C-alpha cells in the first residue's frame, strides 16, 4: 500500500481538465471540481459521458474528473458504479492505472471493493504486473475463505500455495496430492507449507506411511502435526519413534497430558513400571481424559505392587472384606504403629515398616504374644 500511496500523490499532482472550450457543460464540470463540489461534479460527468460519443477529445479527461471526484467525495458505491460503466470504455493504460490507484486507496479496508478494482484493471495491466495482482486477489479470497474463487485464478508460483490451501479446505485431498507432486511450481518460501498440506492429504487419502514421511520432513512442526505423527507410530507399535515425538509434545502446553500418558503406556508395555509410574504420575496432575486414564492405571500398578520403589517389610495382623471394618479394628484393637492398606479386594491392618525381614520377624513374634495369632510378614512397595 506504500507504493499505491506514492503513486496516488503523483496522480493527484496533475490537473485533470484544462480549458473546456465553449462547451458550457465542461465549464460547469471544471468549475464544480475546482470549487470542491465533488458529488455534483461526478454527477455532471456521468451525464456528459452518457450523452457523448467515443470520439470526443474531452471524454477521457471527463472520466478522470469523475473518478477523482468520486474518490475525494469518498463515494464508494458511486465509484463501483463508475467501474461498471468504464468497462465499456477504451481507456489509455495511464488512465486505467489512475483509476486503479484511486480505487485501491478508496477501498483499502474493503476487500470486496478492492477485488472489483483489481478485476477492472487486469485487462490494462502490463504482464509483469499481473502476477502481483493475482496474488493480491488470492490473498483477499483467502482471508474471506472464498476457496472456489481462488481456484479460478491462473496458476503462478505465488498463487499456487493459495490453490493448495483452497483444494484442501474443499476436501479435494487427491487433487492436493496431484498438484503438489512438483515443488518447482511453488516459491521456495512456500515449500514447508506445501509439504504440510501434501502430508495431511496423503494421510487423508489412506497413504499414511507416505504422509507421515512428508510431515517428518517439515522443519517446523505444529503441536498437532507432532501429535499426529506420534499417534501414527503408536498404532504401528514403533515405540522408539513414538517416544521421540511424545517427548517433543510434552514440551507443549495443552498437550502434556496426552504426551505423558502415552509415554507411560510405552514403558508400561515394556514392563518398566518405575518409568511408567513416573509418566502416569505427571499425566495424572491434569483433570483431562488422559489425566484420568493415567490415574486409573497408576492405581492399578500400585495395587499390583509392581512399581519399583523402596520396599519395606510389615506384619499383617488381620484381613477384612471392607475398609470401614478394617479402620474400626485399627481404632479399637490394633497397636499404635499400625495402618490400613488394601490388599487385592480386601483390606488389611498392618503394623510396622522394616528394612529387613529379620526385623519384621521380631515384630511378628511380639504381636503373636500380644494375641494376634494370625500375624504374617508381607513385603510392600513404598509407593503402594
Protein backbone atom coordinates (compact mmCIF):
# COMPACT_ATOMS: atom_id res chain seq x y z
CA UNK A 1 0.00 0.00 0.00
CA UNK A 2 3.01 2.35 0.39
CA UNK A 3 3.61 2.16 -3.38
CA UNK A 4 -0.08 2.90 -4.02
CA UNK A 5 0.09 5.93 -1.71
CA UNK A 6 3.16 7.32 -3.51
CA UNK A 7 1.55 6.81 -6.91
CA UNK A 8 -1.59 8.48 -5.57
CA UNK A 9 0.38 11.61 -4.74
CA UNK A 10 1.79 11.54 -8.27
CA UNK A 11 -1.70 11.21 -9.80
CA UNK A 12 -3.22 14.00 -7.73
CA UNK A 13 -0.38 16.35 -8.66
CA UNK A 14 -1.73 16.65 -12.22
CA UNK A 15 -4.63 18.85 -13.31
CA UNK A 16 -7.45 16.63 -14.53
CA UNK A 17 -9.10 19.02 -17.01
CA UNK A 18 -7.72 22.12 -18.70
CA UNK A 19 -9.73 24.54 -20.86
CA UNK A 20 -13.04 23.01 -21.83
CA UNK A 21 -13.56 25.31 -24.80
CA UNK A 22 -17.01 26.77 -25.38
CA UNK A 23 -18.90 23.71 -24.07
CA UNK A 24 -20.84 25.03 -21.07
CA UNK A 25 -21.24 21.55 -19.53
CA UNK A 26 -17.47 21.12 -19.49
CA UNK A 27 -17.09 24.55 -17.93
CA UNK A 28 -19.63 23.63 -15.24
CA UNK A 29 -17.82 20.33 -14.56
CA UNK A 30 -14.49 22.07 -14.27
CA UNK A 31 -15.94 24.76 -12.02
CA UNK A 32 -17.65 22.28 -9.67
CA UNK A 33 -14.46 20.25 -9.35
CA UNK A 34 -12.31 23.30 -8.68
CA UNK A 35 -14.82 24.52 -6.08
CA UNK A 36 -14.66 21.14 -4.33
CA UNK A 37 -18.29 20.26 -5.00
CA UNK A 38 -17.30 16.69 -5.84
CA UNK A 39 -20.63 14.87 -5.73
CA UNK A 40 -22.25 17.32 -8.14
CA UNK A 41 -19.14 17.25 -10.32
CA UNK A 42 -19.24 13.46 -10.61
CA UNK A 43 -22.95 13.52 -11.48
CA UNK A 44 -22.37 16.10 -14.23
CA UNK A 45 -19.50 14.00 -15.55
CA UNK A 46 -21.73 10.94 -15.84
CA UNK A 47 -24.43 12.92 -17.62
CA UNK A 48 -21.86 14.24 -20.06
CA UNK A 49 -20.41 10.78 -20.75
CA UNK A 50 -23.81 9.15 -21.26
CA UNK A 51 -24.77 11.76 -23.86
CA UNK A 52 -21.37 11.96 -25.56
CA UNK A 53 -19.61 9.83 -28.16
CA UNK A 54 -16.38 7.86 -28.18
CA UNK A 55 -14.53 10.27 -30.42
CA UNK A 56 -14.98 13.22 -28.04
CA UNK A 57 -11.44 14.62 -27.37
CA UNK A 58 -12.52 15.62 -23.83
CA UNK A 59 -14.11 12.23 -22.95
CA UNK A 60 -11.14 10.68 -21.15
CA UNK A 61 -10.44 13.92 -19.28
CA UNK A 62 -14.03 13.96 -18.05
CA UNK A 63 -13.62 10.34 -16.94
CA UNK A 64 -10.59 11.39 -14.90
CA UNK A 65 -12.54 14.24 -13.27
CA UNK A 66 -15.39 11.85 -12.45
CA UNK A 67 -13.09 9.30 -10.84
CA UNK A 68 -11.20 11.95 -8.86
CA UNK A 69 -14.48 13.50 -7.72
CA UNK A 70 -15.86 10.17 -6.52
CA UNK A 71 -12.60 9.45 -4.73
CA UNK A 72 -12.48 12.84 -3.00
CA UNK A 73 -16.16 12.55 -2.05
CA UNK A 74 -15.46 9.09 -0.55
CA UNK A 75 -18.34 7.73 -2.63
CA UNK A 76 -17.59 4.01 -2.77
CA UNK A 77 -20.91 2.99 -4.26
CA UNK A 78 -20.60 5.64 -6.96
CA UNK A 79 -17.03 4.53 -7.68
CA UNK A 80 -18.13 0.91 -8.20
CA UNK A 81 -20.96 2.03 -10.49
CA UNK A 82 -18.42 4.07 -12.44
CA UNK A 83 -16.21 1.00 -12.83
CA UNK A 84 -19.10 -0.88 -14.40
CA UNK A 85 -19.65 1.99 -16.81
CA UNK A 86 -15.94 2.26 -17.65
CA UNK A 87 -15.69 -1.40 -18.64
CA UNK A 88 -17.28 -0.36 -21.95
CA UNK A 89 -14.81 2.48 -22.48
CA UNK A 90 -11.50 2.31 -24.34
CA UNK A 91 -9.19 3.89 -21.81
CA UNK A 92 -5.50 4.62 -22.13
CA UNK A 93 -3.25 2.48 -19.89
CA UNK A 94 -2.36 5.65 -17.97
CA UNK A 95 -5.98 6.50 -17.13
CA UNK A 96 -6.74 2.88 -16.25
CA UNK A 97 -3.76 2.95 -13.87
CA UNK A 98 -5.07 6.17 -12.37
CA UNK A 99 -8.47 4.58 -11.76
CA UNK A 100 -6.74 1.58 -10.17
CA UNK A 101 -4.60 3.67 -7.81
CA UNK A 102 -7.52 5.78 -6.63
CA UNK A 103 -9.74 2.72 -6.24
CA UNK A 104 -7.21 0.75 -4.20
CA UNK A 105 -6.80 3.70 -1.85
CA UNK A 106 -10.54 4.24 -1.54
CA UNK A 107 -11.21 0.56 -0.79
CA UNK A 108 -8.09 -0.26 1.22
CA UNK A 109 -10.24 -1.56 4.10
CA UNK A 110 -12.97 -3.01 1.90
CA UNK A 111 -11.91 -6.36 0.36
CA UNK A 112 -14.93 -6.73 -1.93
CA UNK A 113 -14.33 -3.28 -3.39
CA UNK A 114 -10.63 -3.99 -3.87
CA UNK A 115 -11.49 -7.15 -5.81
CA UNK A 116 -13.65 -5.16 -8.22
CA UNK A 117 -10.92 -2.54 -8.68
CA UNK A 118 -8.29 -5.19 -9.42
CA UNK A 119 -10.60 -7.04 -11.79
CA UNK A 120 -11.25 -3.77 -13.65
CA UNK A 121 -7.54 -3.04 -14.03
CA UNK A 122 -6.31 -6.52 -15.01
CA UNK A 123 -7.01 -6.13 -18.78
CA UNK A 124 -4.89 -2.96 -18.81
CA UNK A 125 -2.05 -4.17 -16.57
CA UNK A 126 1.38 -4.98 -18.06
CA UNK A 127 2.25 -8.70 -17.95
CA UNK A 128 4.94 -8.17 -15.32
CA UNK A 129 2.35 -6.55 -13.04
CA UNK A 130 -0.40 -9.14 -13.44
CA UNK A 131 1.16 -11.76 -11.17
CA UNK A 132 1.15 -9.29 -8.29
CA UNK A 133 -2.49 -8.52 -8.98
CA UNK A 134 -3.43 -12.20 -9.00
CA UNK A 135 -1.53 -12.60 -5.73
CA UNK A 136 -3.50 -9.70 -4.26
CA UNK A 137 -6.77 -11.34 -5.29
CA UNK A 138 -5.66 -14.68 -3.86
CA UNK A 139 -4.84 -13.04 -0.53
CA UNK A 140 -8.22 -11.33 -0.37
CA UNK A 141 -10.08 -14.54 -1.28
CA UNK A 142 -8.04 -16.49 1.29
CA UNK A 143 -8.98 -14.10 4.10
CA UNK A 144 -12.65 -14.32 3.10
CA UNK A 145 -12.42 -18.14 2.69
CA UNK A 146 -13.59 -17.93 -0.92
CA UNK A 147 -11.88 -21.15 -1.97
CA UNK A 148 -13.69 -21.57 -5.29
CA UNK A 149 -12.65 -18.06 -6.35
CA UNK A 150 -9.00 -18.90 -5.68
CA UNK A 151 -9.26 -21.90 -7.99
CA UNK A 152 -10.38 -19.60 -10.83
CA UNK A 153 -7.10 -17.66 -10.71
CA UNK A 154 -4.22 -18.50 -13.08
CA UNK A 155 -1.57 -20.85 -11.74
CA UNK A 156 1.50 -18.81 -10.83
CA UNK A 157 4.22 -19.57 -8.31
CA UNK A 158 2.88 -17.01 -5.88
CA UNK A 159 -0.76 -18.04 -6.24
CA UNK A 160 -0.16 -21.80 -6.21
CA UNK A 161 0.17 -22.09 -2.42
CA UNK A 162 -3.27 -20.49 -2.12
CA UNK A 163 -4.53 -23.05 -4.61
CA UNK A 164 -3.22 -25.88 -2.41
CA UNK A 165 -4.98 -24.46 0.65
CA UNK A 166 -8.21 -24.00 -1.31
CA UNK A 167 -8.19 -27.59 -2.56
CA UNK A 168 -7.52 -28.87 0.94
CA UNK A 169 -10.26 -26.75 2.51
CA UNK A 170 -12.70 -28.05 -0.11
CA UNK A 171 -11.80 -31.62 0.84
CA UNK A 172 -10.18 -32.36 -2.51
CA UNK A 173 -7.26 -34.24 -0.95
CA UNK A 174 -6.47 -36.30 -4.05
CA UNK A 175 -6.13 -33.10 -6.06
CA UNK A 176 -3.77 -31.68 -3.43
CA UNK A 177 -1.57 -34.77 -3.75
CA UNK A 178 -1.51 -34.47 -7.55
CA UNK A 179 -0.92 -30.72 -7.57
CA UNK A 180 1.99 -30.89 -5.11
CA UNK A 181 3.96 -33.58 -6.94
CA UNK A 182 6.38 -30.97 -8.31
CA UNK A 183 7.72 -28.49 -5.76
CA UNK A 184 9.23 -26.42 -8.55
CA UNK A 185 5.87 -24.78 -9.27
CA UNK A 186 5.95 -23.06 -5.85
CA UNK A 187 8.03 -20.27 -4.35
CA UNK A 188 10.92 -21.57 -2.17
CA UNK A 189 9.50 -19.84 0.91
CA UNK A 190 6.21 -21.77 0.50
CA UNK A 191 7.87 -25.21 0.46
CA UNK A 192 7.18 -26.04 4.12
CA UNK A 193 3.51 -25.11 3.85
CA UNK A 194 3.15 -27.15 0.65
CA UNK A 195 4.65 -30.20 2.38
CA UNK A 196 2.31 -29.67 5.33
CA UNK A 197 -0.81 -29.89 3.17
CA UNK A 198 0.67 -32.64 0.98
CA UNK A 199 1.45 -34.77 4.02
CA UNK A 200 -2.03 -34.28 5.51
CA UNK A 201 -3.67 -35.03 2.18
CA UNK A 202 -1.66 -38.23 1.70
CA UNK A 203 -2.72 -39.23 5.20
CA UNK A 204 -6.38 -38.49 4.46
CA UNK A 205 -6.31 -40.49 1.22
CA UNK A 206 -5.12 -43.59 3.05
CA UNK A 207 -1.44 -43.22 2.19
CA UNK A 208 -0.48 -42.85 5.82
CA UNK A 209 3.11 -44.05 5.60
CA UNK A 210 3.90 -41.62 2.76
CA UNK A 211 2.04 -38.83 4.52
CA UNK A 212 3.99 -39.29 7.75
CA UNK A 213 7.28 -39.34 5.83
CA UNK A 214 6.38 -35.98 4.25
CA UNK A 215 5.31 -34.47 7.56
CA UNK A 216 8.51 -35.62 9.22
CA UNK A 217 10.49 -33.76 6.55
CA UNK A 218 9.00 -30.43 7.64
CA UNK A 219 11.42 -28.34 9.70
CA UNK A 220 8.79 -26.58 11.80
CA UNK A 221 6.02 -28.86 13.01
CA UNK A 222 2.93 -27.63 14.80
CA UNK A 223 1.94 -29.50 18.00
CA UNK A 224 -1.00 -31.03 16.13
CA UNK A 225 1.34 -32.44 13.50
CA UNK A 226 3.68 -33.81 16.18
CA UNK A 227 0.67 -35.42 17.86
CA UNK A 228 -0.46 -36.94 14.55
CA UNK A 229 3.00 -38.42 13.93
CA UNK A 230 3.24 -39.76 17.49
CA UNK A 231 -0.21 -41.37 17.31
CA UNK A 232 0.69 -42.98 13.97
CA UNK A 233 3.80 -44.60 15.41
CA UNK A 234 1.85 -45.71 18.47
CA UNK A 235 -0.62 -47.51 16.20
CA UNK A 236 2.24 -49.01 14.24
CA UNK A 237 3.86 -50.12 17.54
CA UNK A 238 7.06 -48.31 16.61
CA UNK A 239 7.54 -47.18 20.19
CA UNK A 240 11.03 -45.79 19.67
CA UNK A 241 9.79 -43.18 17.18
CA UNK A 242 6.56 -42.63 19.09
CA UNK A 243 8.56 -41.87 22.23
CA UNK A 244 10.70 -39.36 20.33
CA UNK A 245 7.68 -37.33 19.24
CA UNK A 246 5.85 -37.70 22.53
CA UNK A 247 8.84 -36.18 24.33
CA UNK A 248 8.72 -33.23 21.92
CA UNK A 249 4.98 -32.93 22.52
CA UNK A 250 5.45 -32.97 26.29
CA UNK A 251 7.03 -29.51 25.98
CA UNK A 252 3.83 -28.00 24.54
CA UNK A 253 1.10 -26.53 26.72
CA UNK A 254 -2.21 -28.22 26.10
CA UNK A 255 -0.59 -31.49 25.01
CA UNK A 256 1.35 -32.53 28.12
CA UNK A 257 -1.36 -34.83 29.49
CA UNK A 258 -1.56 -36.75 26.20
CA UNK A 259 2.23 -36.99 25.88
CA UNK A 260 2.87 -38.08 29.47
CA UNK A 261 0.07 -40.65 29.41
CA UNK A 262 1.31 -42.38 26.25
CA UNK A 263 4.92 -42.24 27.41
CA UNK A 264 3.62 -44.09 30.45
CA UNK A 265 1.85 -46.60 28.19
CA UNK A 266 5.06 -47.27 26.23
CA UNK A 267 7.08 -48.01 29.38
CA UNK A 268 4.15 -49.97 30.78
CA UNK A 269 4.23 -52.26 27.72
CA UNK A 270 7.98 -52.70 28.21
CA UNK A 271 7.24 -53.67 31.84
CA UNK A 272 9.41 -50.80 33.03
CA UNK A 273 6.88 -49.97 35.70
CA UNK A 274 9.05 -47.46 37.50
CA UNK A 275 9.28 -45.25 34.38
CA UNK A 276 5.63 -45.90 33.56
CA UNK A 277 4.66 -44.79 37.04
CA UNK A 278 6.67 -41.58 36.70
CA UNK A 279 4.90 -40.57 33.50
CA UNK A 280 1.47 -41.67 34.69
CA UNK A 281 2.10 -39.58 37.78
CA UNK A 282 2.85 -36.50 35.64
CA UNK A 283 -0.21 -37.08 33.46
CA UNK A 284 -2.48 -37.61 36.48
CA UNK A 285 -1.98 -33.98 37.54
CA UNK A 286 -4.25 -32.89 34.71
CA UNK A 287 -8.03 -33.01 35.03
CA UNK A 288 -8.50 -34.34 31.49
CA UNK A 289 -9.39 -37.58 29.78
CA UNK A 290 -5.74 -38.69 29.66
CA UNK A 291 -5.10 -37.46 33.19
CA UNK A 292 -7.92 -39.64 34.49
CA UNK A 293 -6.75 -42.65 32.48
CA UNK A 294 -3.28 -42.16 33.93
CA UNK A 295 -4.65 -42.01 37.49
CA UNK A 296 -6.58 -45.23 36.98
CA UNK A 297 -3.58 -47.08 35.59
CA UNK A 298 -1.33 -45.73 38.33
CA UNK A 299 -3.70 -47.12 40.97
CA UNK A 300 -3.73 -50.49 39.23
CA UNK A 301 0.06 -50.61 39.23
CA UNK A 302 0.15 -49.67 42.89
CA UNK A 303 -2.35 -52.35 43.78
CA UNK A 304 -0.34 -54.90 41.81
CA UNK A 305 2.76 -53.90 43.75
CA UNK A 306 4.86 -53.72 40.61
CA UNK A 307 6.15 -50.18 40.91
CA UNK A 308 9.86 -50.13 41.54
CA UNK A 309 10.42 -48.09 44.67
CA UNK A 310 11.73 -48.52 48.22
CA UNK A 311 10.18 -51.68 49.55
CA UNK A 312 9.66 -52.48 53.18
CA UNK A 313 8.53 -55.38 55.33
CA UNK A 314 5.48 -55.17 57.54
CA UNK A 315 3.31 -57.51 59.62
CA UNK A 316 -0.34 -58.05 58.74
CA UNK A 317 -2.45 -58.94 61.76
CA UNK A 318 -5.88 -59.27 60.11
CA UNK A 319 -7.58 -59.17 56.68
CA UNK A 320 -11.16 -57.87 56.36
CA UNK A 321 -13.66 -57.52 53.50
CA UNK A 322 -14.41 -53.80 53.93
CA UNK A 323 -12.31 -50.71 54.58
CA UNK A 324 -14.75 -49.50 57.27
CA UNK A 325 -14.32 -52.72 59.23
CA UNK A 326 -10.53 -52.56 58.91
CA UNK A 327 -10.46 -48.94 60.12
CA UNK A 328 -12.76 -49.80 63.04
CA UNK A 329 -10.44 -52.68 64.01
CA UNK A 330 -7.44 -50.35 63.71
CA UNK A 331 -9.05 -47.80 66.02
CA UNK A 332 -10.37 -50.21 68.61
CA UNK A 333 -7.90 -53.12 68.80
CA UNK A 334 -4.68 -52.56 66.86
CA UNK A 335 -1.41 -51.26 68.41
CA UNK A 336 -0.33 -47.62 67.77
CA UNK A 337 2.11 -48.24 64.92
CA UNK A 338 -0.46 -49.91 62.64
CA UNK A 339 -2.26 -48.77 59.48
CA UNK A 340 -4.85 -49.93 56.92
CA UNK A 341 -3.88 -50.86 53.35
CA UNK A 342 -5.82 -52.50 50.56
CA UNK A 343 -4.75 -56.00 49.55
CA UNK A 344 -6.38 -57.23 46.34
CA UNK A 345 -10.14 -56.97 47.02
CA UNK A 346 -9.63 -56.95 50.80
CA UNK A 347 -8.30 -54.53 53.44
CA UNK A 348 -5.56 -55.48 55.84
CA UNK A 349 -4.37 -53.98 59.10
CA UNK A 350 -0.56 -53.80 59.06
CA UNK A 351 1.90 -52.97 61.82
CA UNK A 352 5.40 -51.52 61.43
CA UNK A 353 7.69 -50.77 58.49
CA UNK A 354 11.05 -52.59 58.47
CA UNK A 355 14.02 -52.64 56.12
CA UNK A 356 14.75 -56.31 56.74
CA UNK A 357 12.73 -59.44 57.10
CA UNK A 358 14.50 -60.30 60.37
CA UNK A 359 13.24 -57.10 61.98
CA UNK A 360 9.74 -57.88 60.77
CA UNK A 361 10.07 -61.39 62.21
CA UNK A 362 10.72 -60.00 65.69
CA UNK A 363 7.63 -57.78 65.37
CA UNK A 364 5.53 -60.72 64.26
CA UNK A 365 6.54 -62.74 67.31
CA UNK A 366 5.79 -59.79 69.58
CA UNK A 367 2.34 -59.37 68.04
CA UNK A 368 1.56 -63.06 68.36
CA UNK A 369 2.37 -62.89 72.05
CA UNK A 370 0.03 -59.88 72.25
CA UNK A 371 -2.81 -62.04 70.94
CA UNK A 372 -2.64 -61.53 67.17
CA UNK A 373 -2.16 -65.20 66.31
CA UNK A 374 -2.75 -64.80 62.53
CA UNK A 375 0.10 -62.33 62.01
CA UNK A 376 2.13 -62.79 58.82
CA UNK A 377 5.04 -60.91 57.22
CA UNK A 378 4.42 -59.14 53.90
CA UNK A 379 6.75 -57.10 51.70
CA UNK A 380 5.17 -53.91 50.33
CA UNK A 381 6.23 -51.31 47.76
CA UNK A 382 6.69 -47.90 49.38
CA UNK A 383 4.70 -46.29 46.55
CA UNK A 384 1.83 -48.69 47.07
